[in-house]
PDB file of N, CA and C in Angstrom:
ATOM      1  N   UNK A   1       0.825  -1.189   0.000  1.00  0.00           N
ATOM      2  CA  UNK A   1       0.000   0.000   0.000  1.00  0.00           C
ATOM      3  C   UNK A   1       0.870   1.253   0.000  1.00  0.00           C
ATOM      4  N   UNK A   2       1.925   1.256   0.786  1.00  0.00           N
ATOM      5  CA  UNK A   2       2.822   2.404   0.856  1.00  0.00           C
ATOM      6  C   UNK A   2       3.564   2.588  -0.468  1.00  0.00           C
ATOM      7  N   UNK A   3       3.934   1.471  -1.111  1.00  0.00           N
ATOM      8  CA  UNK A   3       4.618   1.564  -2.398  1.00  0.00           C
ATOM      9  C   UNK A   3       3.714   2.208  -3.447  1.00  0.00           C
ATOM     10  N   UNK A   4       2.464   1.815  -3.466  1.00  0.00           N
ATOM     11  CA  UNK A   4       1.526   2.396  -4.420  1.00  0.00           C
ATOM     12  C   UNK A   4       1.368   3.898  -4.187  1.00  0.00           C
ATOM     13  N   UNK A   5       1.269   4.275  -2.949  1.00  0.00           N
ATOM     14  CA  UNK A   5       1.138   5.692  -2.614  1.00  0.00           C
ATOM     15  C   UNK A   5       2.363   6.474  -3.076  1.00  0.00           C
ATOM     16  N   UNK A   6       3.559   5.937  -2.848  1.00  0.00           N
ATOM     17  CA  UNK A   6       4.780   6.615  -3.258  1.00  0.00           C
ATOM     18  C   UNK A   6       4.883   6.723  -4.782  1.00  0.00           C
ATOM     19  N   UNK A   7       4.489   5.678  -5.476  1.00  0.00           N
ATOM     20  CA  UNK A   7       4.514   5.706  -6.935  1.00  0.00           C
ATOM     21  C   UNK A   7       3.533   6.752  -7.464  1.00  0.00           C
ATOM     22  N   UNK A   8       2.332   6.785  -6.911  1.00  0.00           N
ATOM     23  CA  UNK A   8       1.341   7.772  -7.338  1.00  0.00           C
ATOM     24  C   UNK A   8       1.798   9.191  -7.022  1.00  0.00           C
ATOM     25  N   UNK A   9       2.413   9.381  -5.863  1.00  0.00           N
ATOM     26  CA  UNK A   9       2.915  10.703  -5.498  1.00  0.00           C
ATOM     27  C   UNK A   9       4.022  11.151  -6.451  1.00  0.00           C
ATOM     28  N   UNK A  10       4.899  10.221  -6.818  1.00  0.00           N
ATOM     29  CA  UNK A  10       5.979  10.552  -7.753  1.00  0.00           C
ATOM     30  C   UNK A  10       5.410  10.905  -9.130  1.00  0.00           C
ATOM     31  N   UNK A  11       4.434  10.152  -9.587  1.00  0.00           N
ATOM     32  CA  UNK A  11       3.807  10.453 -10.879  1.00  0.00           C
ATOM     33  C   UNK A  11       3.115  11.810 -10.862  1.00  0.00           C
ATOM     34  N   UNK A  12       2.483  12.127  -9.758  1.00  0.00           N
ATOM     35  CA  UNK A  12       1.815  13.421  -9.640  1.00  0.00           C
ATOM     36  C   UNK A  12       2.825  14.567  -9.695  1.00  0.00           C
ATOM     37  N   UNK A  13       3.989  14.370  -9.081  1.00  0.00           N
ATOM     38  CA  UNK A  13       5.021  15.407  -9.108  1.00  0.00           C
ATOM     39  C   UNK A  13       5.545  15.649 -10.517  1.00  0.00           C
ATOM     40  N   UNK A  14       5.652  14.586 -11.304  1.00  0.00           N
ATOM     41  CA  UNK A  14       6.125  14.734 -12.679  1.00  0.00           C
ATOM     42  C   UNK A  14       5.031  15.253 -13.606  1.00  0.00           C
ATOM     43  N   UNK A  15       3.793  14.926 -13.320  1.00  0.00           N
ATOM     44  CA  UNK A  15       2.688  15.336 -14.182  1.00  0.00           C
ATOM     45  C   UNK A  15       2.385  16.823 -14.034  1.00  0.00           C
ATOM     46  N   UNK A  16       2.569  17.386 -12.868  1.00  0.00           N
ATOM     47  CA  UNK A  16       2.258  18.797 -12.640  1.00  0.00           C
ATOM     48  C   UNK A  16       3.112  19.721 -13.498  1.00  0.00           C
ATOM     49  N   UNK A  17       4.438  19.589 -13.525  1.00  0.00           N
ATOM     50  CA  UNK A  17       5.225  20.460 -14.413  1.00  0.00           C
ATOM     51  C   UNK A  17       4.928  20.213 -15.894  1.00  0.00           C
ATOM     52  N   UNK A  18       4.648  18.989 -16.266  1.00  0.00           N
ATOM     53  CA  UNK A  18       4.333  18.690 -17.664  1.00  0.00           C
ATOM     54  C   UNK A  18       3.031  19.367 -18.076  1.00  0.00           C
ATOM     55  N   UNK A  19       2.058  19.388 -17.197  1.00  0.00           N
ATOM     56  CA  UNK A  19       0.793  20.062 -17.495  1.00  0.00           C
ATOM     57  C   UNK A  19       1.000  21.562 -17.607  1.00  0.00           C
ATOM     58  N   UNK A  20       1.850  22.124 -16.778  1.00  0.00           N
ATOM     59  CA  UNK A  20       2.126  23.553 -16.851  1.00  0.00           C
ATOM     60  C   UNK A  20       2.830  23.909 -18.145  1.00  0.00           C
ATOM     61  N   UNK A  21       3.738  23.078 -18.594  1.00  0.00           N
ATOM     62  CA  UNK A  21       4.429  23.321 -19.864  1.00  0.00           C
ATOM     63  C   UNK A  21       3.469  23.209 -21.035  1.00  0.00           C
ATOM     64  N   UNK A  22       2.586  22.278 -20.968  1.00  0.00           N
ATOM     65  CA  UNK A  22       1.641  22.074 -22.050  1.00  0.00           C
ATOM     66  C   UNK A  22       0.711  23.250 -22.240  1.00  0.00           C
ATOM     67  N   UNK A  23       0.246  23.857 -21.174  1.00  0.00           N
ATOM     68  CA  UNK A  23      -0.667  24.985 -21.311  1.00  0.00           C
ATOM     69  C   UNK A  23       0.039  26.207 -21.868  1.00  0.00           C
ATOM     70  N   UNK A  24       1.309  26.392 -21.541  1.00  0.00           N
ATOM     71  CA  UNK A  24       2.061  27.525 -22.076  1.00  0.00           C
ATOM     72  C   UNK A  24       2.305  27.382 -23.560  1.00  0.00           C
ATOM     73  N   UNK A  25       2.629  26.180 -23.988  1.00  0.00           N
ATOM     74  CA  UNK A  25       2.878  25.982 -25.413  1.00  0.00           C
ATOM     75  C   UNK A  25       1.578  26.040 -26.207  1.00  0.00           C
ATOM     76  N   UNK A  26       0.464  25.690 -25.601  1.00  0.00           N
ATOM     77  CA  UNK A  26      -0.817  25.795 -26.281  1.00  0.00           C
ATOM     78  C   UNK A  26      -1.169  27.252 -26.515  1.00  0.00           C
ATOM     79  N   UNK A  27      -0.959  28.084 -25.512  1.00  0.00           N
ATOM     80  CA  UNK A  27      -1.215  29.519 -25.662  1.00  0.00           C
ATOM     81  C   UNK A  27      -0.255  30.126 -26.680  1.00  0.00           C
ATOM     82  N   UNK A  28       0.992  29.684 -26.652  1.00  0.00           N
ATOM     83  CA  UNK A  28       1.981  30.190 -27.603  1.00  0.00           C
ATOM     84  C   UNK A  28       1.619  29.773 -29.021  1.00  0.00           C
ATOM     85  N   UNK A  29       1.177  28.549 -29.188  1.00  0.00           N
ATOM     86  CA  UNK A  29       0.780  28.062 -30.507  1.00  0.00           C
ATOM     87  C   UNK A  29      -0.426  28.842 -31.028  1.00  0.00           C
ATOM     88  N   UNK A  30      -1.383  29.102 -30.167  1.00  0.00           N
ATOM     89  CA  UNK A  30      -2.561  29.881 -30.565  1.00  0.00           C
ATOM     90  C   UNK A  30      -2.158  31.302 -30.954  1.00  0.00           C
ATOM     91  N   UNK A  31      -1.212  31.872 -30.217  1.00  0.00           N
ATOM     92  CA  UNK A  31      -0.724  33.208 -30.526  1.00  0.00           C
ATOM     93  C   UNK A  31      -0.045  33.231 -31.892  1.00  0.00           C
ATOM     94  N   UNK A  32       0.752  32.218 -32.181  1.00  0.00           N
ATOM     95  CA  UNK A  32       1.452  32.147 -33.472  1.00  0.00           C
ATOM     96  C   UNK A  32       0.468  31.948 -34.623  1.00  0.00           C
ATOM     97  N   UNK A  33      -0.579  31.174 -34.388  1.00  0.00           N
ATOM     98  CA  UNK A  33      -1.601  31.000 -35.424  1.00  0.00           C
ATOM     99  C   UNK A  33      -2.283  32.339 -35.715  1.00  0.00           C
ATOM    100  N   UNK A  34      -2.558  33.109 -34.665  1.00  0.00           N
ATOM    101  CA  UNK A  34      -3.175  34.424 -34.850  1.00  0.00           C
ATOM    102  C   UNK A  34      -2.230  35.361 -35.597  1.00  0.00           C
ATOM    103  N   UNK A  35      -0.940  35.297 -35.276  1.00  0.00           N
ATOM    104  CA  UNK A  35       0.037  36.135 -35.976  1.00  0.00           C
ATOM    105  C   UNK A  35       0.095  35.763 -37.456  1.00  0.00           C
ATOM    106  N   UNK A  36       0.148  34.480 -37.744  1.00  0.00           N
ATOM    107  CA  UNK A  36       0.217  34.005 -39.121  1.00  0.00           C
ATOM    108  C   UNK A  36      -0.995  34.472 -39.910  1.00  0.00           C
ATOM    109  N   UNK A  37      -2.161  34.381 -39.304  1.00  0.00           N
ATOM    110  CA  UNK A  37      -3.391  34.804 -39.969  1.00  0.00           C
ATOM    111  C   UNK A  37      -3.416  36.322 -40.164  1.00  0.00           C
ATOM    112  N   UNK A  38      -2.926  37.065 -39.178  1.00  0.00           N
ATOM    113  CA  UNK A  38      -3.001  38.527 -39.228  1.00  0.00           C
ATOM    114  C   UNK A  38      -2.037  39.144 -40.237  1.00  0.00           C
ATOM    115  N   UNK A  39      -0.827  38.613 -40.341  1.00  0.00           N
ATOM    116  CA  UNK A  39       0.177  39.269 -41.186  1.00  0.00           C
ATOM    117  C   UNK A  39       0.478  38.522 -42.470  1.00  0.00           C
ATOM    118  N   UNK A  40      -0.056  37.338 -42.633  1.00  0.00           N
ATOM    119  CA  UNK A  40       0.165  36.582 -43.862  1.00  0.00           C
ATOM    120  C   UNK A  40       1.449  35.773 -43.821  1.00  0.00           C
ATOM    121  N   UNK A  41       1.490  34.746 -44.635  1.00  0.00           N
ATOM    122  CA  UNK A  41       2.625  33.831 -44.642  1.00  0.00           C
ATOM    123  C   UNK A  41       3.901  34.499 -45.128  1.00  0.00           C
ATOM    124  N   UNK A  42       3.792  35.419 -46.098  1.00  0.00           N
ATOM    125  CA  UNK A  42       4.998  36.058 -46.649  1.00  0.00           C
ATOM    126  C   UNK A  42       5.761  36.822 -45.567  1.00  0.00           C
ATOM    127  N   UNK A  43       5.057  37.567 -44.729  1.00  0.00           N
ATOM    128  CA  UNK A  43       5.715  38.309 -43.651  1.00  0.00           C
ATOM    129  C   UNK A  43       6.095  37.405 -42.488  1.00  0.00           C
ATOM    130  N   UNK A  44       5.242  36.434 -42.187  1.00  0.00           N
ATOM    131  CA  UNK A  44       5.484  35.547 -41.044  1.00  0.00           C
ATOM    132  C   UNK A  44       6.760  34.738 -41.232  1.00  0.00           C
ATOM    133  N   UNK A  45       6.960  34.193 -42.430  1.00  0.00           N
ATOM    134  CA  UNK A  45       8.124  33.359 -42.698  1.00  0.00           C
ATOM    135  C   UNK A  45       9.272  34.119 -43.349  1.00  0.00           C
ATOM    136  N   UNK A  46       9.275  35.444 -43.217  1.00  0.00           N
ATOM    137  CA  UNK A  46      10.356  36.235 -43.803  1.00  0.00           C
ATOM    138  C   UNK A  46      11.608  36.139 -42.936  1.00  0.00           C
ATOM    139  N   UNK A  47      12.713  36.615 -43.486  1.00  0.00           N
ATOM    140  CA  UNK A  47      13.990  36.554 -42.766  1.00  0.00           C
ATOM    141  C   UNK A  47      13.955  37.374 -41.481  1.00  0.00           C
ATOM    142  N   UNK A  48      13.122  38.401 -41.440  1.00  0.00           N
ATOM    143  CA  UNK A  48      13.077  39.256 -40.257  1.00  0.00           C
ATOM    144  C   UNK A  48      12.139  38.748 -39.166  1.00  0.00           C
ATOM    145  N   UNK A  49      11.359  37.711 -39.463  1.00  0.00           N
ATOM    146  CA  UNK A  49      10.413  37.207 -38.469  1.00  0.00           C
ATOM    147  C   UNK A  49      10.797  35.796 -37.999  1.00  0.00           C
ATOM    148  N   UNK A  50      10.233  34.769 -38.605  1.00  0.00           N
ATOM    149  CA  UNK A  50      10.437  33.400 -38.135  1.00  0.00           C
ATOM    150  C   UNK A  50      10.857  32.485 -39.283  1.00  0.00           C
ATOM    151  N   UNK A  51      11.751  31.555 -38.988  1.00  0.00           N
ATOM    152  CA  UNK A  51      12.160  30.581 -39.994  1.00  0.00           C
ATOM    153  C   UNK A  51      11.157  29.436 -40.089  1.00  0.00           C
ATOM    154  N   UNK A  52      10.446  29.185 -38.984  1.00  0.00           N
ATOM    155  CA  UNK A  52       9.461  28.106 -38.977  1.00  0.00           C
ATOM    156  C   UNK A  52       8.389  28.428 -37.948  1.00  0.00           C
ATOM    157  N   UNK A  53       7.289  27.678 -38.001  1.00  0.00           N
ATOM    158  CA  UNK A  53       6.221  27.864 -37.022  1.00  0.00           C
ATOM    159  C   UNK A  53       6.727  27.515 -35.625  1.00  0.00           C
ATOM    160  N   UNK A  54       7.561  26.491 -35.526  1.00  0.00           N
ATOM    161  CA  UNK A  54       8.129  26.086 -34.239  1.00  0.00           C
ATOM    162  C   UNK A  54       8.986  27.171 -33.617  1.00  0.00           C
ATOM    163  N   UNK A  55       9.681  27.947 -34.449  1.00  0.00           N
ATOM    164  CA  UNK A  55      10.496  29.054 -33.929  1.00  0.00           C
ATOM    165  C   UNK A  55       9.604  30.111 -33.290  1.00  0.00           C
ATOM    166  N   UNK A  56       8.448  30.346 -33.886  1.00  0.00           N
ATOM    167  CA  UNK A  56       7.489  31.288 -33.312  1.00  0.00           C
ATOM    168  C   UNK A  56       6.977  30.778 -31.973  1.00  0.00           C
ATOM    169  N   UNK A  57       6.596  29.515 -31.921  1.00  0.00           N
ATOM    170  CA  UNK A  57       6.074  28.931 -30.680  1.00  0.00           C
ATOM    171  C   UNK A  57       7.138  28.977 -29.582  1.00  0.00           C
ATOM    172  N   UNK A  58       8.373  28.675 -29.948  1.00  0.00           N
ATOM    173  CA  UNK A  58       9.463  28.702 -28.976  1.00  0.00           C
ATOM    174  C   UNK A  58       9.642  30.102 -28.396  1.00  0.00           C
ATOM    175  N   UNK A  59       9.609  31.106 -29.244  1.00  0.00           N
ATOM    176  CA  UNK A  59       9.766  32.486 -28.771  1.00  0.00           C
ATOM    177  C   UNK A  59       8.559  32.914 -27.943  1.00  0.00           C
ATOM    178  N   UNK A  60       7.367  32.603 -28.424  1.00  0.00           N
ATOM    179  CA  UNK A  60       6.147  33.036 -27.749  1.00  0.00           C
ATOM    180  C   UNK A  60       5.947  32.352 -26.406  1.00  0.00           C
ATOM    181  N   UNK A  61       6.489  31.159 -26.239  1.00  0.00           N
ATOM    182  CA  UNK A  61       6.297  30.446 -24.973  1.00  0.00           C
ATOM    183  C   UNK A  61       7.050  31.128 -23.824  1.00  0.00           C
ATOM    184  N   UNK A  62       8.011  31.982 -24.163  1.00  0.00           N
ATOM    185  CA  UNK A  62       8.763  32.702 -23.132  1.00  0.00           C
ATOM    186  C   UNK A  62       8.163  34.069 -22.824  1.00  0.00           C
ATOM    187  N   UNK A  63       7.097  34.439 -23.526  1.00  0.00           N
ATOM    188  CA  UNK A  63       6.467  35.739 -23.327  1.00  0.00           C
ATOM    189  C   UNK A  63       5.211  35.601 -22.478  1.00  0.00           C
ATOM    190  N   UNK A  64       4.872  36.675 -21.798  1.00  0.00           N
ATOM    191  CA  UNK A  64       3.612  36.696 -21.053  1.00  0.00           C
ATOM    192  C   UNK A  64       2.475  36.937 -22.043  1.00  0.00           C
ATOM    193  N   UNK A  65       1.261  36.765 -21.587  1.00  0.00           N
ATOM    194  CA  UNK A  65       0.104  36.980 -22.456  1.00  0.00           C
ATOM    195  C   UNK A  65       0.041  38.427 -22.939  1.00  0.00           C
ATOM    196  N   UNK A  66       0.367  39.365 -22.077  1.00  0.00           N
ATOM    197  CA  UNK A  66       0.353  40.780 -22.460  1.00  0.00           C
ATOM    198  C   UNK A  66       1.422  41.075 -23.509  1.00  0.00           C
ATOM    199  N   UNK A  67       2.588  40.462 -23.360  1.00  0.00           N
ATOM    200  CA  UNK A  67       3.653  40.661 -24.343  1.00  0.00           C
ATOM    201  C   UNK A  67       3.282  40.055 -25.695  1.00  0.00           C
ATOM    202  N   UNK A  68       2.640  38.883 -25.666  1.00  0.00           N
ATOM    203  CA  UNK A  68       2.199  38.267 -26.919  1.00  0.00           C
ATOM    204  C   UNK A  68       1.159  39.139 -27.605  1.00  0.00           C
ATOM    205  N   UNK A  69       0.260  39.718 -26.834  1.00  0.00           N
ATOM    206  CA  UNK A  69      -0.778  40.584 -27.401  1.00  0.00           C
ATOM    207  C   UNK A  69      -0.165  41.857 -27.976  1.00  0.00           C
ATOM    208  N   UNK A  70       0.827  42.423 -27.287  1.00  0.00           N
ATOM    209  CA  UNK A  70       1.505  43.624 -27.793  1.00  0.00           C
ATOM    210  C   UNK A  70       2.239  43.321 -29.096  1.00  0.00           C
ATOM    211  N   UNK A  71       2.857  42.165 -29.180  1.00  0.00           N
ATOM    212  CA  UNK A  71       3.564  41.762 -30.398  1.00  0.00           C
ATOM    213  C   UNK A  71       2.580  41.584 -31.555  1.00  0.00           C
ATOM    214  N   UNK A  72       1.457  40.937 -31.302  1.00  0.00           N
ATOM    215  CA  UNK A  72       0.441  40.739 -32.332  1.00  0.00           C
ATOM    216  C   UNK A  72      -0.108  42.080 -32.806  1.00  0.00           C
ATOM    217  N   UNK A  73      -0.356  42.987 -31.887  1.00  0.00           N
ATOM    218  CA  UNK A  73      -0.864  44.315 -32.238  1.00  0.00           C
ATOM    219  C   UNK A  73       0.141  45.072 -33.101  1.00  0.00           C
ATOM    220  N   UNK A  74       1.422  45.007 -32.736  1.00  0.00           N
ATOM    221  CA  UNK A  74       2.466  45.681 -33.514  1.00  0.00           C
ATOM    222  C   UNK A  74       2.572  45.081 -34.913  1.00  0.00           C
ATOM    223  N   UNK A  75       2.462  43.762 -35.013  1.00  0.00           N
ATOM    224  CA  UNK A  75       2.532  43.112 -36.322  1.00  0.00           C
ATOM    225  C   UNK A  75       1.359  43.515 -37.200  1.00  0.00           C
ATOM    226  N   UNK A  76       0.169  43.612 -36.612  1.00  0.00           N
ATOM    227  CA  UNK A  76      -1.004  44.035 -37.384  1.00  0.00           C
ATOM    228  C   UNK A  76      -0.840  45.466 -37.875  1.00  0.00           C
ATOM    229  N   UNK A  77      -0.336  46.354 -37.016  1.00  0.00           N
ATOM    230  CA  UNK A  77      -0.130  47.743 -37.408  1.00  0.00           C
ATOM    231  C   UNK A  77       0.888  47.850 -38.541  1.00  0.00           C
ATOM    232  N   UNK A  78       1.981  47.114 -38.435  1.00  0.00           N
ATOM    233  CA  UNK A  78       3.011  47.146 -39.470  1.00  0.00           C
ATOM    234  C   UNK A  78       2.508  46.552 -40.779  1.00  0.00           C
ATOM    235  N   UNK A  79       1.712  45.496 -40.693  1.00  0.00           N
ATOM    236  CA  UNK A  79       1.162  44.891 -41.901  1.00  0.00           C
ATOM    237  C   UNK A  79       0.231  45.884 -42.599  1.00  0.00           C
ATOM    238  N   UNK A  80      -0.597  46.567 -41.824  1.00  0.00           N
ATOM    239  CA  UNK A  80      -1.478  47.586 -42.400  1.00  0.00           C
ATOM    240  C   UNK A  80      -0.699  48.719 -43.032  1.00  0.00           C
ATOM    241  N   UNK A  81       0.355  49.147 -42.361  1.00  0.00           N
ATOM    242  CA  UNK A  81       1.191  50.212 -42.909  1.00  0.00           C
ATOM    243  C   UNK A  81       1.887  49.750 -44.194  1.00  0.00           C
ATOM    244  N   UNK A  82       2.337  48.518 -44.206  1.00  0.00           N
ATOM    245  CA  UNK A  82       3.004  47.976 -45.385  1.00  0.00           C
ATOM    246  C   UNK A  82       2.036  47.913 -46.567  1.00  0.00           C
ATOM    247  N   UNK A  83       0.791  47.548 -46.311  1.00  0.00           N
ATOM    248  CA  UNK A  83      -0.204  47.494 -47.373  1.00  0.00           C
ATOM    249  C   UNK A  83      -0.559  48.891 -47.870  1.00  0.00           C
ATOM    250  N   UNK A  84      -0.662  49.856 -46.963  1.00  0.00           N
ATOM    251  CA  UNK A  84      -1.056  51.203 -47.370  1.00  0.00           C
ATOM    252  C   UNK A  84       0.073  51.953 -48.080  1.00  0.00           C
ATOM    253  N   UNK A  85       1.306  51.783 -47.636  1.00  0.00           N
ATOM    254  CA  UNK A  85       2.436  52.486 -48.256  1.00  0.00           C
ATOM    255  C   UNK A  85       2.922  51.804 -49.522  1.00  0.00           C
ATOM    256  N   UNK A  86       2.797  50.502 -49.554  1.00  0.00           N
ATOM    257  CA  UNK A  86       3.413  49.727 -50.629  1.00  0.00           C
ATOM    258  C   UNK A  86       4.760  49.224 -50.141  1.00  0.00           C
ATOM    259  N   UNK A  87       5.230  48.155 -50.722  1.00  0.00           N
ATOM    260  CA  UNK A  87       6.455  47.508 -50.252  1.00  0.00           C
ATOM    261  C   UNK A  87       7.668  48.418 -50.386  1.00  0.00           C
ATOM    262  N   UNK A  88       7.786  49.119 -51.501  1.00  0.00           N
ATOM    263  CA  UNK A  88       8.960  49.961 -51.742  1.00  0.00           C
ATOM    264  C   UNK A  88       9.045  51.102 -50.739  1.00  0.00           C
ATOM    265  N   UNK A  89       7.937  51.806 -50.530  1.00  0.00           N
ATOM    266  CA  UNK A  89       7.930  52.924 -49.580  1.00  0.00           C
ATOM    267  C   UNK A  89       8.116  52.423 -48.147  1.00  0.00           C
ATOM    268  N   UNK A  90       7.520  51.277 -47.841  1.00  0.00           N
ATOM    269  CA  UNK A  90       7.673  50.702 -46.499  1.00  0.00           C
ATOM    270  C   UNK A  90       9.126  50.337 -46.237  1.00  0.00           C
ATOM    271  N   UNK A  91       9.761  49.684 -47.221  1.00  0.00           N
ATOM    272  CA  UNK A  91      11.175  49.327 -47.079  1.00  0.00           C
ATOM    273  C   UNK A  91      12.038  50.574 -46.942  1.00  0.00           C
ATOM    274  N   UNK A  92      11.721  51.615 -47.698  1.00  0.00           N
ATOM    275  CA  UNK A  92      12.495  52.853 -47.616  1.00  0.00           C
ATOM    276  C   UNK A  92      12.351  53.504 -46.237  1.00  0.00           C
ATOM    277  N   UNK A  93      11.177  53.409 -45.658  1.00  0.00           N
ATOM    278  CA  UNK A  93      10.947  54.023 -44.344  1.00  0.00           C
ATOM    279  C   UNK A  93      11.725  53.315 -43.239  1.00  0.00           C
ATOM    280  N   UNK A  94      11.814  51.997 -43.296  1.00  0.00           N
ATOM    281  CA  UNK A  94      12.462  51.229 -42.233  1.00  0.00           C
ATOM    282  C   UNK A  94      13.811  50.656 -42.649  1.00  0.00           C
ATOM    283  N   UNK A  95      14.346  51.097 -43.773  1.00  0.00           N
ATOM    284  CA  UNK A  95      15.610  50.572 -44.281  1.00  0.00           C
ATOM    285  C   UNK A  95      16.778  51.067 -43.429  1.00  0.00           C
ATOM    286  N   UNK A  96      17.709  50.167 -43.135  1.00  0.00           N
ATOM    287  CA  UNK A  96      18.858  50.523 -42.297  1.00  0.00           C
ATOM    288  C   UNK A  96      19.805  51.466 -43.013  1.00  0.00           C
ATOM    289  N   UNK A  97      19.927  51.373 -44.327  1.00  0.00           N
ATOM    290  CA  UNK A  97      20.849  52.239 -45.063  1.00  0.00           C
ATOM    291  C   UNK A  97      20.394  53.691 -45.002  1.00  0.00           C
ATOM    292  N   UNK A  98      19.103  53.926 -45.155  1.00  0.00           N
ATOM    293  CA  UNK A  98      18.614  55.291 -45.199  1.00  0.00           C
ATOM    294  C   UNK A  98      18.509  55.918 -43.809  1.00  0.00           C
ATOM    295  N   UNK A  99      18.223  55.143 -42.800  1.00  0.00           N
ATOM    296  CA  UNK A  99      18.041  55.716 -41.470  1.00  0.00           C
ATOM    297  C   UNK A  99      19.347  55.913 -40.726  1.00  0.00           C
ATOM    298  N   UNK A 100      20.300  55.045 -40.911  1.00  0.00           N
ATOM    299  CA  UNK A 100      21.525  55.117 -40.127  1.00  0.00           C
ATOM    300  C   UNK A 100      22.781  55.286 -40.973  1.00  0.00           C
ATOM    301  N   UNK A 101      22.661  55.305 -42.289  1.00  0.00           N
ATOM    302  CA  UNK A 101      23.811  55.452 -43.149  1.00  0.00           C
ATOM    303  C   UNK A 101      24.735  54.250 -43.148  1.00  0.00           C
ATOM    304  N   UNK A 102      24.270  53.114 -42.693  1.00  0.00           N
ATOM    305  CA  UNK A 102      25.080  51.902 -42.637  1.00  0.00           C
ATOM    306  C   UNK A 102      24.714  50.985 -43.789  1.00  0.00           C
ATOM    307  N   UNK A 103      25.580  50.040 -44.057  1.00  0.00           N
ATOM    308  CA  UNK A 103      25.258  49.012 -45.042  1.00  0.00           C
ATOM    309  C   UNK A 103      24.163  48.134 -44.462  1.00  0.00           C
ATOM    310  N   UNK A 104      23.159  47.881 -45.218  1.00  0.00           N
ATOM    311  CA  UNK A 104      22.081  47.027 -44.743  1.00  0.00           C
ATOM    312  C   UNK A 104      21.202  46.612 -45.898  1.00  0.00           C
ATOM    313  N   UNK A 105      20.196  45.835 -45.614  1.00  0.00           N
ATOM    314  CA  UNK A 105      19.271  45.397 -46.644  1.00  0.00           C
ATOM    315  C   UNK A 105      17.861  45.749 -46.217  1.00  0.00           C
ATOM    316  N   UNK A 106      16.970  45.724 -47.153  1.00  0.00           N
ATOM    317  CA  UNK A 106      15.575  46.028 -46.852  1.00  0.00           C
ATOM    318  C   UNK A 106      14.823  44.800 -46.368  1.00  0.00           C
ATOM    319  N   UNK A 107      15.461  43.653 -46.302  1.00  0.00           N
ATOM    320  CA  UNK A 107      14.764  42.425 -45.934  1.00  0.00           C
ATOM    321  C   UNK A 107      14.315  42.425 -44.473  1.00  0.00           C
ATOM    322  N   UNK A 108      14.866  43.302 -43.669  1.00  0.00           N
ATOM    323  CA  UNK A 108      14.521  43.329 -42.253  1.00  0.00           C
ATOM    324  C   UNK A 108      13.587  44.487 -41.910  1.00  0.00           C
ATOM    325  N   UNK A 109      13.012  45.144 -42.901  1.00  0.00           N
ATOM    326  CA  UNK A 109      12.183  46.315 -42.636  1.00  0.00           C
ATOM    327  C   UNK A 109      10.936  45.968 -41.815  1.00  0.00           C
ATOM    328  N   UNK A 110      10.304  44.834 -42.093  1.00  0.00           N
ATOM    329  CA  UNK A 110       9.114  44.460 -41.323  1.00  0.00           C
ATOM    330  C   UNK A 110       9.475  44.200 -39.862  1.00  0.00           C
ATOM    331  N   UNK A 111      10.576  43.512 -39.629  1.00  0.00           N
ATOM    332  CA  UNK A 111      11.020  43.238 -38.262  1.00  0.00           C
ATOM    333  C   UNK A 111      11.366  44.515 -37.516  1.00  0.00           C
ATOM    334  N   UNK A 112      11.970  45.476 -38.208  1.00  0.00           N
ATOM    335  CA  UNK A 112      12.308  46.752 -37.569  1.00  0.00           C
ATOM    336  C   UNK A 112      11.061  47.520 -37.200  1.00  0.00           C
ATOM    337  N   UNK A 113      10.062  47.462 -38.043  1.00  0.00           N
ATOM    338  CA  UNK A 113       8.788  48.125 -37.753  1.00  0.00           C
ATOM    339  C   UNK A 113       8.132  47.498 -36.513  1.00  0.00           C
ATOM    340  N   UNK A 114       8.078  46.186 -36.479  1.00  0.00           N
ATOM    341  CA  UNK A 114       7.464  45.484 -35.340  1.00  0.00           C
ATOM    342  C   UNK A 114       8.221  45.785 -34.052  1.00  0.00           C
ATOM    343  N   UNK A 115       9.520  45.753 -34.134  1.00  0.00           N
ATOM    344  CA  UNK A 115      10.350  46.016 -32.952  1.00  0.00           C
ATOM    345  C   UNK A 115      10.109  47.425 -32.423  1.00  0.00           C
ATOM    346  N   UNK A 116      10.045  48.395 -33.317  1.00  0.00           N
ATOM    347  CA  UNK A 116       9.827  49.776 -32.898  1.00  0.00           C
ATOM    348  C   UNK A 116       8.456  49.955 -32.249  1.00  0.00           C
ATOM    349  N   UNK A 117       7.447  49.347 -32.824  1.00  0.00           N
ATOM    350  CA  UNK A 117       6.091  49.503 -32.289  1.00  0.00           C
ATOM    351  C   UNK A 117       5.849  48.691 -31.028  1.00  0.00           C
ATOM    352  N   UNK A 118       6.455  47.516 -30.942  1.00  0.00           N
ATOM    353  CA  UNK A 118       6.245  46.674 -29.762  1.00  0.00           C
ATOM    354  C   UNK A 118       6.947  47.253 -28.533  1.00  0.00           C
ATOM    355  N   UNK A 119       8.058  47.929 -28.744  1.00  0.00           N
ATOM    356  CA  UNK A 119       8.793  48.491 -27.602  1.00  0.00           C
ATOM    357  C   UNK A 119       8.266  49.859 -27.207  1.00  0.00           C
ATOM    358  N   UNK A 120       7.460  50.478 -28.052  1.00  0.00           N
ATOM    359  CA  UNK A 120       6.927  51.827 -27.751  1.00  0.00           C
ATOM    360  C   UNK A 120       5.771  51.775 -26.788  1.00  0.00           C
TER     361      UNK A 120
END
C-alpha cells in the first residue's frame, strides 16, 4: 500500500510540471496561429520574423500573455502600414541604409517596424 502511494505521489510530481508546460505551449501556438493569420505567410516566414512555425512557438512560450498581445498588435499595425504604403515605400521608411547610413538590406524592414512599435 505504501509503495503504491509513493509511486502515485511521484507520478503526480512529474505530471504537474508537464501540465504547466503544455498549457504555455498551447497559448503560444494559438498566438502564433493568430500572428500568421493577421500578417500573412509572406511576412510571417520572412527573414526578419520566423524561420518556422516552431520558432514562433518557442519564442512566444517565453512571453507573457500581455507581451504576446503587444507583439500581435504591432505586427497588425506594421502589416497595415506595409499594405497602405506599398512595399517599396515601407522598405524605404524602415531601411537601415537610409536611417543610419550603414550598409544594410531592406529584408529586415518588417522586423524593424514590429520592434519599434512593440517596444513603444
